[in-house]
Amino acid sequence: MPPGFSLISQKGEDLGEKLSNVSNGLFAQGAEKVVMLDSDTPNLPTDLIREALSGLDEVDVVLGPCEDGGYYLIGMRSWVQELFRGIPWSTADVAKMTVKKAHALSLRVLLLERWYDVDTIIDLKRLKRDLGQPAENYFFCENTYRAISSLHI
């Protein structure tokens, strides 16, 4: 893990409750900003993470939408429990409904560039192709690339 980053165990019944609990815990520990990433965008450009962190100097919520309608990143300057309630998790409407909820709560939102997550074999093939290119602006996942390559897809 890079310095200043940590992995935190998720607790809750659904993804919304898990995200809410993690962010609440981090803010309770004194965090000024919280940025949470998904686990299925291993080659996310590092510039998007930097943009999220700096964006939180100006807005309340940063959201990184996925091409499939979910999101790969959510960042906040304070805990807003309601932001995670009533969202249709694991649907193509997650990002859209989260933005709608944020606006209804009078929160300022920054949308990052769309990126893809890996949910299907087509996504996995895309990741393999992308990881086969020189890593300039994203985390190079050498072990992930080796594992995908061993599948002969």
C-alpha atoms as a PDB file:
ATOM      1  CA  MET A   1       0.000   0.000   0.000  1.00  0.00           C
ATOM      2  CA  PRO A   2       1.200   3.518  -0.706  1.00  0.00           C
ATOM      3  CA  PRO A   3       2.058   5.603   2.374  1.00  0.00           C
ATOM      4  CA  GLY A   4      -1.027   7.245   3.868  1.00  0.00           C
ATOM      5  CA  PHE A   5      -3.420   4.663   2.400  1.00  0.00           C
ATOM      6  CA  SER A   6      -5.055   1.829   4.285  1.00  0.00           C
ATOM      7  CA  LEU A   7      -7.396  -1.097   3.807  1.00  0.00           C
ATOM      8  CA  ILE A   8     -10.417  -1.200   6.074  1.00  0.00           C
ATOM      9  CA  SER A   9     -12.766  -4.102   6.659  1.00  0.00           C
ATOM     10  CA  GLN A  10     -16.344  -3.468   5.520  1.00  0.00           C
ATOM     11  CA  LYS A  11     -19.278  -4.003   7.862  1.00  0.00           C
ATOM     12  CA  GLY A  12     -22.928  -3.732   6.900  1.00  0.00           C
ATOM     13  CA  GLU A  13     -25.817  -5.430   5.159  1.00  0.00           C
ATOM     14  CA  ASP A  14     -25.444  -3.852   1.716  1.00  0.00           C
ATOM     15  CA  LEU A  15     -22.858  -1.786  -0.134  1.00  0.00           C
ATOM     16  CA  GLY A  16     -24.452   1.491   0.948  1.00  0.00           C
ATOM     17  CA  GLU A  17     -24.312   0.566   4.612  1.00  0.00           C
ATOM     18  CA  LYS A  18     -20.712  -0.618   4.222  1.00  0.00           C
ATOM     19  CA  LEU A  19     -19.631   2.633   2.536  1.00  0.00           C
ATOM     20  CA  SER A  20     -21.477   4.678   5.139  1.00  0.00           C
ATOM     21  CA  ASN A  21     -19.903   2.780   8.032  1.00  0.00           C
ATOM     22  CA  VAL A  22     -16.364   3.039   6.632  1.00  0.00           C
ATOM     23  CA  SER A  23     -16.643   6.767   5.930  1.00  0.00           C
ATOM     24  CA  ASN A  24     -18.257   7.443   9.311  1.00  0.00           C
ATOM     25  CA  GLY A  25     -15.456   5.568  11.064  1.00  0.00           C
ATOM     26  CA  LEU A  26     -12.735   7.459   9.205  1.00  0.00           C
ATOM     27  CA  PHE A  27     -14.295  10.852   9.897  1.00  0.00           C
ATOM     28  CA  ALA A  28     -14.723   9.855  13.557  1.00  0.00           C
ATOM     29  CA  GLN A  29     -10.958   9.190  13.619  1.00  0.00           C
ATOM     30  CA  GLY A  30     -10.319  12.733  12.411  1.00  0.00           C
ATOM     31  CA  ALA A  31     -10.038  12.358   8.639  1.00  0.00           C
ATOM     32  CA  GLU A  32     -10.627  15.614   6.770  1.00  0.00           C
ATOM     33  CA  LYS A  33     -11.342  13.843   3.477  1.00  0.00           C
ATOM     34  CA  VAL A  34     -12.354  10.280   2.705  1.00  0.00           C
ATOM     35  CA  VAL A  35     -11.907   8.686  -0.718  1.00  0.00           C
ATOM     36  CA  MET A  36     -13.063   5.100  -1.205  1.00  0.00           C
ATOM     37  CA  LEU A  37     -12.182   2.998  -4.246  1.00  0.00           C
ATOM     38  CA  ASP A  38     -13.769  -0.142  -5.593  1.00  0.00           C
ATOM     39  CA  SER A  39     -11.745  -3.306  -6.010  1.00  0.00           C
ATOM     40  CA  ASP A  40     -12.502  -4.059  -9.654  1.00  0.00           C
ATOM     41  CA  THR A  41     -10.708  -1.181 -11.405  1.00  0.00           C
ATOM     42  CA  PRO A  42      -7.109  -2.252 -10.872  1.00  0.00           C
ATOM     43  CA  ASN A  43      -5.677  -0.008 -13.583  1.00  0.00           C
ATOM     44  CA  LEU A  44      -7.438   3.173 -12.534  1.00  0.00           C
ATOM     45  CA  PRO A  45      -5.381   6.183 -13.656  1.00  0.00           C
ATOM     46  CA  THR A  46      -3.629   7.688 -10.659  1.00  0.00           C
ATOM     47  CA  ASP A  47      -4.497  11.180 -11.913  1.00  0.00           C
ATOM     48  CA  LEU A  48      -8.158  10.437 -11.148  1.00  0.00           C
ATOM     49  CA  ILE A  49      -7.319   9.712  -7.521  1.00  0.00           C
ATOM     50  CA  ARG A  50      -5.294  12.933  -7.306  1.00  0.00           C
ATOM     51  CA  GLU A  51      -8.158  14.849  -8.935  1.00  0.00           C
ATOM     52  CA  ALA A  52     -10.591  13.419  -6.387  1.00  0.00           C
ATOM     53  CA  LEU A  53      -8.417  14.441  -3.450  1.00  0.00           C
ATOM     54  CA  SER A  54      -7.818  17.957  -4.744  1.00  0.00           C
ATOM     55  CA  GLY A  55     -11.450  18.301  -5.844  1.00  0.00           C
ATOM     56  CA  LEU A  56     -12.576  17.828  -2.272  1.00  0.00           C
ATOM     57  CA  ASP A  57     -11.012  21.208  -1.500  1.00  0.00           C
ATOM     58  CA  GLU A  58     -13.837  22.766  -3.537  1.00  0.00           C
ATOM     59  CA  VAL A  59     -16.821  20.381  -3.430  1.00  0.00           C
ATOM     60  CA  ASP A  60     -18.573  18.138  -0.919  1.00  0.00           C
ATOM     61  CA  VAL A  61     -18.653  14.900  -2.921  1.00  0.00           C
ATOM     62  CA  VAL A  62     -16.489  13.499  -5.713  1.00  0.00           C
ATOM     63  CA  LEU A  63     -17.815  10.612  -7.764  1.00  0.00           C
ATOM     64  CA  GLY A  64     -15.970   8.538 -10.355  1.00  0.00           C
ATOM     65  CA  PRO A  65     -18.627   6.925 -12.548  1.00  0.00           C
ATOM     66  CA  CYS A  66     -18.101   3.567 -14.224  1.00  0.00           C
ATOM     67  CA  GLU A  67     -19.161   2.887 -17.783  1.00  0.00           C
ATOM     68  CA  ASP A  68     -21.754   0.396 -16.488  1.00  0.00           C
ATOM     69  CA  GLY A  69     -23.563   2.959 -14.307  1.00  0.00           C
ATOM     70  CA  GLY A  70     -21.886   2.236 -10.986  1.00  0.00           C
ATOM     71  CA  TYR A  71     -18.920   4.101  -9.594  1.00  0.00           C
ATOM     72  CA  TYR A  72     -15.287   3.285  -8.940  1.00  0.00           C
ATOM     73  CA  LEU A  73     -14.656   6.079  -6.439  1.00  0.00           C
ATOM     74  CA  ILE A  74     -16.573   8.186  -3.985  1.00  0.00           C
ATOM     75  CA  GLY A  75     -14.988  10.919  -1.917  1.00  0.00           C
ATOM     76  CA  MET A  76     -16.430  13.194   0.759  1.00  0.00           C
ATOM     77  CA  ARG A  77     -15.452  16.034   3.069  1.00  0.00           C
ATOM     78  CA  SER A  78     -17.873  14.953   5.768  1.00  0.00           C
ATOM     79  CA  TRP A  79     -20.020  11.960   6.638  1.00  0.00           C
ATOM     80  CA  VAL A  80     -23.471  12.155   5.077  1.00  0.00           C
ATOM     81  CA  GLN A  81     -25.312   8.971   6.016  1.00  0.00           C
ATOM     82  CA  GLU A  82     -28.307   9.808   3.840  1.00  0.00           C
ATOM     83  CA  LEU A  83     -26.120   9.824   0.711  1.00  0.00           C
ATOM     84  CA  PHE A  84     -25.978   6.015   0.822  1.00  0.00           C
ATOM     85  CA  ARG A  85     -29.651   5.330   1.578  1.00  0.00           C
ATOM     86  CA  GLY A  86     -32.216   4.385  -1.055  1.00  0.00           C
ATOM     87  CA  ILE A  87     -29.652   3.728  -3.798  1.00  0.00           C
ATOM     88  CA  PRO A  88     -30.424   0.756  -6.084  1.00  0.00           C
ATOM     89  CA  TRP A  89     -27.090  -1.009  -5.510  1.00  0.00           C
ATOM     90  CA  SER A  90     -25.697  -3.281  -8.244  1.00  0.00           C
ATOM     91  CA  THR A  91     -27.740  -1.593 -10.967  1.00  0.00           C
ATOM     92  CA  ALA A  92     -26.940   0.717 -13.873  1.00  0.00           C
ATOM     93  CA  ASP A  93     -28.490   3.612 -11.904  1.00  0.00           C
ATOM     94  CA  VAL A  94     -26.115   3.710  -8.926  1.00  0.00           C
ATOM     95  CA  ALA A  95     -23.988   6.696 -10.000  1.00  0.00           C
ATOM     96  CA  LYS A  96     -26.925   8.645 -11.405  1.00  0.00           C
ATOM     97  CA  MET A  97     -29.005   8.126  -8.265  1.00  0.00           C
ATOM     98  CA  THR A  98     -26.078   8.990  -5.995  1.00  0.00           C
ATOM     99  CA  VAL A  99     -25.598  12.304  -7.819  1.00  0.00           C
ATOM    100  CA  LYS A 100     -29.343  12.960  -7.647  1.00  0.00           C
ATOM    101  CA  LYS A 101     -29.329  12.207  -3.909  1.00  0.00           C
ATOM    102  CA  ALA A 102     -26.306  14.483  -3.359  1.00  0.00           C
ATOM    103  CA  HIS A 103     -28.011  17.355  -5.168  1.00  0.00           C
ATOM    104  CA  ALA A 104     -31.204  16.784  -3.148  1.00  0.00           C
ATOM    105  CA  LEU A 105     -29.045  17.119  -0.020  1.00  0.00           C
ATOM    106  CA  SER A 106     -27.606  20.408  -1.392  1.00  0.00           C
ATOM    107  CA  LEU A 107     -24.141  18.880  -1.759  1.00  0.00           C
ATOM    108  CA  ARG A 108     -21.727  20.137  -4.412  1.00  0.00           C
ATOM    109  CA  VAL A 109     -20.570  17.281  -6.659  1.00  0.00           C
ATOM    110  CA  LEU A 110     -17.551  16.824  -8.902  1.00  0.00           C
ATOM    111  CA  LEU A 111     -17.832  14.058 -11.501  1.00  0.00           C
ATOM    112  CA  LEU A 112     -14.570  12.495 -12.582  1.00  0.00           C
ATOM    113  CA  GLU A 113     -13.853  10.889 -15.939  1.00  0.00           C
ATOM    114  CA  ARG A 114     -15.749   7.664 -16.593  1.00  0.00           C
ATOM    115  CA  TRP A 115     -13.696   4.483 -16.267  1.00  0.00           C
ATOM    116  CA  TYR A 116     -14.429   0.810 -16.579  1.00  0.00           C
ATOM    117  CA  ASP A 117     -14.636  -1.899 -13.986  1.00  0.00           C
ATOM    118  CA  VAL A 118     -14.094  -5.598 -14.517  1.00  0.00           C
ATOM    119  CA  ASP A 119     -17.337  -7.554 -14.241  1.00  0.00           C
ATOM    120  CA  THR A 120     -17.393  -9.735 -17.364  1.00  0.00           C
ATOM    121  CA  ILE A 121     -15.038 -11.757 -19.548  1.00  0.00           C
ATOM    122  CA  ILE A 122     -15.127  -8.908 -22.082  1.00  0.00           C
ATOM    123  CA  ASP A 123     -13.993  -6.512 -19.345  1.00  0.00           C
ATOM    124  CA  LEU A 124     -11.249  -8.945 -18.345  1.00  0.00           C
ATOM    125  CA  LYS A 125      -9.986  -9.125 -21.931  1.00  0.00           C
ATOM    126  CA  ARG A 126      -9.978  -5.319 -22.073  1.00  0.00           C
ATOM    127  CA  LEU A 127      -7.998  -5.170 -18.832  1.00  0.00           C
ATOM    128  CA  LYS A 128      -5.495  -7.697 -20.186  1.00  0.00           C
ATOM    129  CA  ARG A 129      -5.043  -5.606 -23.334  1.00  0.00           C
ATOM    130  CA  ASP A 130      -4.672  -2.384 -21.346  1.00  0.00           C
ATOM    131  CA  LEU A 131      -2.214  -3.903 -18.874  1.00  0.00           C
ATOM    132  CA  GLY A 132      -0.153  -5.107 -21.820  1.00  0.00           C
ATOM    133  CA  GLN A 133       0.531  -1.474 -22.732  1.00  0.00           C
ATOM    134  CA  PRO A 134       3.212   0.644 -21.031  1.00  0.00           C
ATOM    135  CA  ALA A 135       2.037   1.895 -17.624  1.00  0.00           C
ATOM    136  CA  GLU A 136       2.313   5.667 -17.694  1.00  0.00           C
ATOM    137  CA  ASN A 137      -0.590   6.963 -15.692  1.00  0.00           C
ATOM    138  CA  TYR A 138      -2.046   4.036 -13.815  1.00  0.00           C
ATOM    139  CA  PHE A 139      -1.053   1.410 -11.332  1.00  0.00           C
ATOM    140  CA  PHE A 140       0.632  -1.427 -13.179  1.00  0.00           C
ATOM    141  CA  CYS A 141      -0.713  -4.620 -11.729  1.00  0.00           C
ATOM    142  CA  GLU A 142       2.008  -7.097 -12.616  1.00  0.00           C
ATOM    143  CA  ASN A 143       0.499 -10.007 -10.679  1.00  0.00           C
ATOM    144  CA  THR A 144      -2.950  -9.300 -12.097  1.00  0.00           C
ATOM    145  CA  TYR A 145      -1.533  -9.218 -15.616  1.00  0.00           C
ATOM    146  CA  ARG A 146       0.288 -12.523 -15.064  1.00  0.00           C
ATOM    147  CA  ALA A 147      -2.835 -14.159 -13.644  1.00  0.00           C
ATOM    148  CA  ILE A 148      -5.014 -12.977 -16.546  1.00  0.00           C
ATOM    149  CA  SER A 149      -2.382 -14.058 -19.068  1.00  0.00           C
ATOM    150  CA  SER A 150      -2.307 -17.540 -17.556  1.00  0.00           C
ATOM    151  CA  LEU A 151      -6.020 -17.891 -18.379  1.00  0.00           C
ATOM    152  CA  HIS A 152      -5.262 -17.779 -22.128  1.00  0.00           C
ATOM    153  CA  ILE A 153      -8.263 -15.600 -22.894  1.00  0.00           C
END
